[in-house]
Amino acid sequence: MTKIKQQFVIITAATLFLGACSGLSNTQQRVLSGGAIGTGVGVVGTAVTGGCVTCGAVIGGAVGAGAGYLVDQHEKGKLP
């Protein structure tokens, strides 16, 4: 695949993925952003320490999504 076609595919896919996030509730937004941040931190952390990058991404994403949910529940007053 030529470089221009590859860039077009990547930009189109990114646009479609971001467009799907427009109607999310506050809880869904917090869980999604927490998972994305956790995934990024997990990838960087394991890449720096020489660990399994995939494992770091999965674990970081799960922890981040859980943290995003807990933050949302705390702000709603359901957690102390």
Protein backbone atom coordinates (compact mmCIF):
# COMPACT_ATOMS: atom_id res chain seq x y z
CA MET A 1 0.00 0.00 0.00
CA THR A 2 1.37 3.41 -0.84
CA LYS A 3 2.06 5.91 1.90
CA ILE A 4 -0.79 8.22 0.83
CA LYS A 5 -3.33 5.40 0.85
CA GLN A 6 -2.09 4.25 4.24
CA GLN A 7 -2.45 7.76 5.68
CA PHE A 8 -5.95 8.06 4.22
CA VAL A 9 -7.01 4.78 5.84
CA ILE A 10 -5.61 5.83 9.22
CA ILE A 11 -7.29 9.26 9.13
CA THR A 12 -10.62 7.76 8.03
CA ALA A 13 -10.53 5.12 10.77
CA ALA A 14 -9.64 7.71 13.42
CA THR A 15 -12.49 9.95 12.29
CA LEU A 16 -15.00 7.11 12.49
CA PHE A 17 -13.80 6.01 15.92
CA LEU A 18 -13.95 9.54 17.32
CA GLY A 19 -17.37 10.17 15.79
CA ALA A 20 -18.75 7.16 17.63
CA CYS A 21 -17.93 8.80 20.97
CA SER A 22 -20.20 11.83 20.54
CA GLY A 23 -23.29 10.61 22.42
CA LEU A 24 -21.71 9.18 25.56
CA SER A 25 -22.98 9.86 29.06
CA ASN A 26 -20.68 11.37 31.68
CA THR A 27 -20.05 7.93 33.19
CA GLN A 28 -19.15 6.44 29.83
CA GLN A 29 -16.86 9.37 29.03
CA ARG A 30 -15.01 9.02 32.32
CA VAL A 31 -14.60 5.26 31.97
CA LEU A 32 -13.40 5.60 28.37
CA SER A 33 -10.94 8.39 29.12
CA GLY A 34 -9.67 6.57 32.22
CA GLY A 35 -9.13 3.43 30.17
CA ALA A 36 -7.32 5.34 27.44
CA ILE A 37 -5.05 7.13 29.90
CA GLY A 38 -4.40 3.87 31.77
CA THR A 39 -3.51 2.11 28.54
CA GLY A 40 -1.04 4.82 27.61
CA VAL A 41 0.57 4.79 31.03
CA GLY A 42 0.75 0.99 30.99
CA VAL A 43 2.43 0.93 27.58
CA VAL A 44 4.99 3.58 28.49
CA GLY A 45 5.67 2.05 31.88
CA THR A 46 6.31 -1.43 30.58
CA ALA A 47 8.31 -0.16 27.60
CA VAL A 48 10.60 1.77 29.95
CA THR A 49 11.03 -1.12 32.37
CA GLY A 50 11.41 -3.76 29.65
CA GLY A 51 8.28 -5.71 30.48
CA CYS A 52 5.47 -7.10 28.33
CA VAL A 53 4.00 -4.08 26.55
CA THR A 54 0.73 -5.84 25.71
CA CYS A 55 0.28 -6.93 29.31
CA GLY A 56 0.96 -3.39 30.51
CA ALA A 57 -1.59 -1.99 28.08
CA VAL A 58 -4.30 -4.43 29.14
CA ILE A 59 -3.70 -4.04 32.86
CA GLY A 60 -3.32 -0.26 32.63
CA GLY A 61 -6.51 0.03 30.59
CA ALA A 62 -8.49 -2.07 33.07
CA VAL A 63 -7.18 -0.13 36.07
CA GLY A 64 -7.80 3.19 34.31
CA ALA A 65 -11.35 2.27 33.36
CA GLY A 66 -12.06 1.20 36.92
CA ALA A 67 -10.59 4.43 38.27
CA GLY A 68 -12.70 6.46 35.84
CA TYR A 69 -15.82 4.68 37.06
CA LEU A 70 -14.92 5.27 40.70
CA VAL A 71 -14.29 8.96 40.07
CA ASP A 72 -17.69 9.23 38.39
CA GLN A 73 -19.45 7.50 41.28
CA HIS A 74 -17.64 9.72 43.78
CA GLU A 75 -18.74 12.87 41.96
CA LYS A 76 -22.33 11.63 41.95
CA GLY A 77 -22.13 11.24 45.73
CA LYS A 78 -22.49 7.47 45.72
CA LEU A 79 -19.01 6.95 47.23
CA PRO A 80 -17.41 8.73 50.18
